[in-house]
Amino acid sequence: MPSEKVLGEKQELVAALKEKIVASKAGVVVNYNGISVSDDTKLRASLRAEGVEYSVIKNTMLRLAVKGTDVEGLTDAFTGSTALAVVTGEDPMAAARILNKFAEASKGKFDIKAGYMDGTVMDAEGVKAIANLPSREGLLSMLLSALQGNLRGLAVALKAVADQKEEVA
């Protein structure tokens, strides 16, 4: 039976973890087994630069932390070696993008198990689909170029109609 002190520390850890998960925009659960220390250090640095907190947490603690939250469906992914990346920065897709790129490069040593975004739980394929989307800036530039192209086409068409009316008159 754990001592009161140890039990209190674990309860504080679970409460802090639950608060972090609920307050986050998105998160990704991964199986980190088989990566080297130097690769893990590089991964952590790239995640930290994008506003993502990455940590290895016991599955039991994770199960207790997600209990009663919108992301309780993640519980099935808490098996084996588990690490959690929680997005606290501006880009909610940052963790998915970085971890997916790392998983593809590691060739099976590092796997994405599941994830969540805005309270919606996703399987590994959903996280990979999110990771392959362009960044927010990329999506905005695509939207602006589509709008600009349509406006330019409208302006050309209106100019042609005006020219045609001048010829008739």
C-alpha atoms as a PDB file:
ATOM      1  CA  MET A   1       0.000   0.000   0.000  1.00  0.00           C
ATOM      2  CA  PRO A   2       1.523   3.363  -1.006  1.00  0.00           C
ATOM      3  CA  SER A   3       2.198   5.933   1.663  1.00  0.00           C
ATOM      4  CA  GLU A   4       0.000   9.002   2.002  1.00  0.00           C
ATOM      5  CA  LYS A   5       2.819  11.194   0.673  1.00  0.00           C
ATOM      6  CA  VAL A   6       3.315   9.111  -2.486  1.00  0.00           C
ATOM      7  CA  LEU A   7      -0.427   8.842  -3.046  1.00  0.00           C
ATOM      8  CA  GLY A   8      -0.814  12.616  -2.667  1.00  0.00           C
ATOM      9  CA  GLU A   9       1.998  13.255  -5.166  1.00  0.00           C
ATOM     10  CA  LYS A  10       0.387  10.920  -7.698  1.00  0.00           C
ATOM     11  CA  GLN A  11      -3.002  12.580  -7.245  1.00  0.00           C
ATOM     12  CA  GLU A  12      -1.399  15.989  -7.821  1.00  0.00           C
ATOM     13  CA  LEU A  13       0.329  14.654 -10.955  1.00  0.00           C
ATOM     14  CA  VAL A  14      -2.953  13.278 -12.323  1.00  0.00           C
ATOM     15  CA  ALA A  15      -4.799  16.537 -11.557  1.00  0.00           C
ATOM     16  CA  ALA A  16      -2.099  18.634 -13.265  1.00  0.00           C
ATOM     17  CA  LEU A  17      -2.064  16.293 -16.263  1.00  0.00           C
ATOM     18  CA  LYS A  18      -5.857  16.422 -16.557  1.00  0.00           C
ATOM     19  CA  GLU A  19      -5.784  20.221 -16.430  1.00  0.00           C
ATOM     20  CA  LYS A  20      -3.086  20.322 -19.121  1.00  0.00           C
ATOM     21  CA  ILE A  21      -5.026  17.965 -21.415  1.00  0.00           C
ATOM     22  CA  VAL A  22      -8.318  19.820 -20.989  1.00  0.00           C
ATOM     23  CA  ALA A  23      -6.673  23.207 -21.619  1.00  0.00           C
ATOM     24  CA  SER A  24      -4.736  22.036 -24.679  1.00  0.00           C
ATOM     25  CA  LYS A  25      -5.795  22.505 -28.293  1.00  0.00           C
ATOM     26  CA  ALA A  26      -4.604  19.088 -29.421  1.00  0.00           C
ATOM     27  CA  GLY A  27      -2.454  16.136 -28.455  1.00  0.00           C
ATOM     28  CA  VAL A  28      -0.867  13.006 -29.854  1.00  0.00           C
ATOM     29  CA  VAL A  29      -0.201   9.671 -28.134  1.00  0.00           C
ATOM     30  CA  VAL A  30       2.842   7.777 -29.438  1.00  0.00           C
ATOM     31  CA  ASN A  31       4.781   4.572 -28.904  1.00  0.00           C
ATOM     32  CA  TYR A  32       8.352   5.774 -28.455  1.00  0.00           C
ATOM     33  CA  ASN A  33       9.951   2.341 -28.040  1.00  0.00           C
ATOM     34  CA  GLY A  34      13.114   1.801 -30.070  1.00  0.00           C
ATOM     35  CA  ILE A  35      14.362   5.353 -30.679  1.00  0.00           C
ATOM     36  CA  SER A  36      17.827   6.448 -29.656  1.00  0.00           C
ATOM     37  CA  VAL A  37      18.533   9.065 -27.018  1.00  0.00           C
ATOM     38  CA  SER A  38      19.984  11.474 -29.590  1.00  0.00           C
ATOM     39  CA  ASP A  39      16.889  11.131 -31.815  1.00  0.00           C
ATOM     40  CA  ASP A  40      14.654  11.660 -28.788  1.00  0.00           C
ATOM     41  CA  THR A  41      16.599  14.787 -27.851  1.00  0.00           C
ATOM     42  CA  LYS A  42      16.209  16.204 -31.382  1.00  0.00           C
ATOM     43  CA  LEU A  43      12.512  15.352 -31.371  1.00  0.00           C
ATOM     44  CA  ARG A  44      11.937  17.046 -28.023  1.00  0.00           C
ATOM     45  CA  ALA A  45      13.783  20.180 -29.203  1.00  0.00           C
ATOM     46  CA  SER A  46      11.699  20.472 -32.377  1.00  0.00           C
ATOM     47  CA  LEU A  47       8.468  19.930 -30.429  1.00  0.00           C
ATOM     48  CA  ARG A  48       9.439  22.493 -27.788  1.00  0.00           C
ATOM     49  CA  ALA A  49      10.188  25.063 -30.525  1.00  0.00           C
ATOM     50  CA  GLU A  50       6.600  24.707 -31.787  1.00  0.00           C
ATOM     51  CA  GLY A  51       4.941  25.005 -28.362  1.00  0.00           C
ATOM     52  CA  VAL A  52       4.388  21.284 -27.749  1.00  0.00           C
ATOM     53  CA  GLU A  53       4.987  19.636 -24.371  1.00  0.00           C
ATOM     54  CA  TYR A  54       6.220  16.049 -24.805  1.00  0.00           C
ATOM     55  CA  SER A  55       6.574  13.644 -21.921  1.00  0.00           C
ATOM     56  CA  VAL A  56       6.613   9.959 -21.104  1.00  0.00           C
ATOM     57  CA  ILE A  57       3.838   9.163 -18.644  1.00  0.00           C
ATOM     58  CA  LYS A  58       2.671   5.917 -17.089  1.00  0.00           C
ATOM     59  CA  ASN A  59      -0.425   4.473 -18.752  1.00  0.00           C
ATOM     60  CA  THR A  60      -2.276   4.269 -15.433  1.00  0.00           C
ATOM     61  CA  MET A  61      -1.717   7.976 -14.790  1.00  0.00           C
ATOM     62  CA  LEU A  62      -2.946   8.804 -18.299  1.00  0.00           C
ATOM     63  CA  ARG A  63      -6.074   6.679 -17.872  1.00  0.00           C
ATOM     64  CA  LEU A  64      -6.894   8.484 -14.633  1.00  0.00           C
ATOM     65  CA  ALA A  65      -6.174  11.891 -16.184  1.00  0.00           C
ATOM     66  CA  VAL A  66      -8.512  11.466 -19.177  1.00  0.00           C
ATOM     67  CA  LYS A  67     -11.308   9.897 -17.137  1.00  0.00           C
ATOM     68  CA  GLY A  68     -14.382  12.110 -17.327  1.00  0.00           C
ATOM     69  CA  THR A  69     -13.010  14.360 -20.111  1.00  0.00           C
ATOM     70  CA  ASP A  70     -13.957  14.705 -23.784  1.00  0.00           C
ATOM     71  CA  VAL A  71     -10.893  12.655 -24.742  1.00  0.00           C
ATOM     72  CA  GLU A  72     -11.683   9.623 -22.585  1.00  0.00           C
ATOM     73  CA  GLY A  73     -11.717   7.557 -25.803  1.00  0.00           C
ATOM     74  CA  LEU A  74      -7.910   7.705 -25.829  1.00  0.00           C
ATOM     75  CA  THR A  75      -7.813   5.086 -23.070  1.00  0.00           C
ATOM     76  CA  ASP A  76      -7.486   2.238 -25.598  1.00  0.00           C
ATOM     77  CA  ALA A  77      -4.206   3.745 -26.837  1.00  0.00           C
ATOM     78  CA  PHE A  78      -2.587   3.652 -23.401  1.00  0.00           C
ATOM     79  CA  THR A  79      -0.734   0.360 -23.779  1.00  0.00           C
ATOM     80  CA  GLY A  80       2.972  -0.393 -24.013  1.00  0.00           C
ATOM     81  CA  SER A  81       5.495   2.434 -24.109  1.00  0.00           C
ATOM     82  CA  THR A  82       3.472   5.622 -24.179  1.00  0.00           C
ATOM     83  CA  ALA A  83       4.405   9.274 -24.558  1.00  0.00           C
ATOM     84  CA  LEU A  84       2.021  12.201 -24.827  1.00  0.00           C
ATOM     85  CA  ALA A  85       2.596  15.370 -26.841  1.00  0.00           C
ATOM     86  CA  VAL A  86       0.257  18.198 -25.800  1.00  0.00           C
ATOM     87  CA  VAL A  87      -0.052  21.352 -27.928  1.00  0.00           C
ATOM     88  CA  THR A  88       0.080  24.512 -25.862  1.00  0.00           C
ATOM     89  CA  GLY A  89       1.248  26.844 -28.649  1.00  0.00           C
ATOM     90  CA  GLU A  90      -0.600  28.554 -31.485  1.00  0.00           C
ATOM     91  CA  ASP A  91      -0.569  25.795 -34.137  1.00  0.00           C
ATOM     92  CA  PRO A  92      -2.852  22.892 -33.130  1.00  0.00           C
ATOM     93  CA  MET A  93      -1.424  20.705 -35.899  1.00  0.00           C
ATOM     94  CA  ALA A  94       2.213  21.132 -34.831  1.00  0.00           C
ATOM     95  CA  ALA A  95       2.472  17.942 -32.761  1.00  0.00           C
ATOM     96  CA  ALA A  96       0.799  15.799 -35.421  1.00  0.00           C
ATOM     97  CA  ARG A  97       3.004  17.218 -38.181  1.00  0.00           C
ATOM     98  CA  ILE A  98       6.310  16.837 -36.307  1.00  0.00           C
ATOM     99  CA  LEU A  99       5.553  13.395 -34.852  1.00  0.00           C
ATOM    100  CA  ASN A 100       4.232  12.035 -38.162  1.00  0.00           C
ATOM    101  CA  LYS A 101       7.383  13.194 -39.961  1.00  0.00           C
ATOM    102  CA  PHE A 102       9.516  11.581 -37.260  1.00  0.00           C
ATOM    103  CA  ALA A 103       7.486   8.332 -37.396  1.00  0.00           C
ATOM    104  CA  GLU A 104       7.901   8.110 -41.173  1.00  0.00           C
ATOM    105  CA  ALA A 105      11.653   8.636 -40.853  1.00  0.00           C
ATOM    106  CA  SER A 106      12.057   6.057 -38.053  1.00  0.00           C
ATOM    107  CA  LYS A 107      10.542   3.226 -40.130  1.00  0.00           C
ATOM    108  CA  GLY A 108       8.491   1.428 -37.492  1.00  0.00           C
ATOM    109  CA  LYS A 109      10.528   2.183 -34.376  1.00  0.00           C
ATOM    110  CA  PHE A 110       8.253   5.075 -33.441  1.00  0.00           C
ATOM    111  CA  ASP A 111       4.487   4.860 -33.975  1.00  0.00           C
ATOM    112  CA  ILE A 112       1.560   7.208 -33.601  1.00  0.00           C
ATOM    113  CA  LYS A 113      -1.183   5.511 -31.570  1.00  0.00           C
ATOM    114  CA  ALA A 114      -3.952   8.126 -31.429  1.00  0.00           C
ATOM    115  CA  GLY A 115      -4.625  11.787 -30.863  1.00  0.00           C
ATOM    116  CA  TYR A 116      -7.195  14.462 -30.232  1.00  0.00           C
ATOM    117  CA  MET A 117      -8.033  17.929 -31.465  1.00  0.00           C
ATOM    118  CA  ASP A 118     -10.644  20.255 -29.969  1.00  0.00           C
ATOM    119  CA  GLY A 119     -12.026  17.436 -27.818  1.00  0.00           C
ATOM    120  CA  THR A 120     -12.429  14.988 -30.712  1.00  0.00           C
ATOM    121  CA  VAL A 121     -10.514  11.715 -30.431  1.00  0.00           C
ATOM    122  CA  MET A 122      -8.775  10.438 -33.582  1.00  0.00           C
ATOM    123  CA  ASP A 123      -7.120   7.143 -34.423  1.00  0.00           C
ATOM    124  CA  ALA A 124      -3.595   6.982 -35.874  1.00  0.00           C
ATOM    125  CA  GLU A 125      -4.868   7.437 -39.437  1.00  0.00           C
ATOM    126  CA  GLY A 126      -6.788  10.558 -38.423  1.00  0.00           C
ATOM    127  CA  VAL A 127      -3.675  12.049 -36.851  1.00  0.00           C
ATOM    128  CA  LYS A 128      -1.670  11.265 -40.004  1.00  0.00           C
ATOM    129  CA  ALA A 129      -4.349  12.916 -42.159  1.00  0.00           C
ATOM    130  CA  ILE A 130      -4.187  16.055 -39.994  1.00  0.00           C
ATOM    131  CA  ALA A 131      -0.391  16.000 -40.198  1.00  0.00           C
ATOM    132  CA  ASN A 132      -0.460  16.024 -43.996  1.00  0.00           C
ATOM    133  CA  LEU A 133      -2.634  19.147 -44.184  1.00  0.00           C
ATOM    134  CA  PRO A 134      -0.849  22.417 -44.940  1.00  0.00           C
ATOM    135  CA  SER A 135      -0.151  24.759 -42.041  1.00  0.00           C
ATOM    136  CA  ARG A 136      -2.559  27.560 -41.159  1.00  0.00           C
ATOM    137  CA  GLU A 137      -0.498  30.038 -43.162  1.00  0.00           C
ATOM    138  CA  GLY A 138      -0.474  27.666 -46.150  1.00  0.00           C
ATOM    139  CA  LEU A 139      -4.248  27.238 -46.006  1.00  0.00           C
ATOM    140  CA  LEU A 140      -4.757  31.011 -45.779  1.00  0.00           C
ATOM    141  CA  SER A 141      -2.500  31.642 -48.765  1.00  0.00           C
ATOM    142  CA  MET A 142      -4.384  28.984 -50.777  1.00  0.00           C
ATOM    143  CA  LEU A 143      -7.685  30.651 -49.880  1.00  0.00           C
ATOM    144  CA  LEU A 144      -6.407  34.110 -50.778  1.00  0.00           C
ATOM    145  CA  SER A 145      -5.034  32.953 -54.117  1.00  0.00           C
ATOM    146  CA  ALA A 146      -8.356  31.273 -54.952  1.00  0.00           C
ATOM    147  CA  LEU A 147     -10.264  34.441 -54.034  1.00  0.00           C
ATOM    148  CA  GLN A 148      -7.843  36.641 -55.928  1.00  0.00           C
ATOM    149  CA  GLY A 149      -8.114  34.444 -59.034  1.00  0.00           C
ATOM    150  CA  ASN A 150     -11.911  34.606 -58.965  1.00  0.00           C
ATOM    151  CA  LEU A 151     -11.911  38.392 -58.505  1.00  0.00           C
ATOM    152  CA  ARG A 152      -9.446  38.832 -61.349  1.00  0.00           C
ATOM    153  CA  GLY A 153     -11.632  36.687 -63.603  1.00  0.00           C
ATOM    154  CA  LEU A 154     -14.692  38.735 -62.662  1.00  0.00           C
ATOM    155  CA  ALA A 155     -12.844  41.985 -63.393  1.00  0.00           C
ATOM    156  CA  VAL A 156     -11.753  40.725 -66.823  1.00  0.00           C
ATOM    157  CA  ALA A 157     -15.295  39.588 -67.642  1.00  0.00           C
ATOM    158  CA  LEU A 158     -16.793  42.945 -66.566  1.00  0.00           C
ATOM    159  CA  LYS A 159     -14.192  44.804 -68.616  1.00  0.00           C
ATOM    160  CA  ALA A 160     -15.056  42.678 -71.675  1.00  0.00           C
ATOM    161  CA  VAL A 161     -18.781  43.395 -71.243  1.00  0.00           C
ATOM    162  CA  ALA A 162     -18.083  47.143 -70.867  1.00  0.00           C
ATOM    163  CA  ASP A 163     -15.890  47.127 -73.999  1.00  0.00           C
ATOM    164  CA  GLN A 164     -18.578  45.274 -75.949  1.00  0.00           C
ATOM    165  CA  LYS A 165     -21.253  47.796 -74.889  1.00  0.00           C
ATOM    166  CA  GLU A 166     -18.975  50.697 -75.975  1.00  0.00           C
ATOM    167  CA  GLU A 167     -18.552  49.109 -79.420  1.00  0.00           C
ATOM    168  CA  VAL A 168     -22.330  48.785 -79.844  1.00  0.00           C
ATOM    169  CA  ALA A 169     -22.933  52.430 -78.870  1.00  0.00           C
END
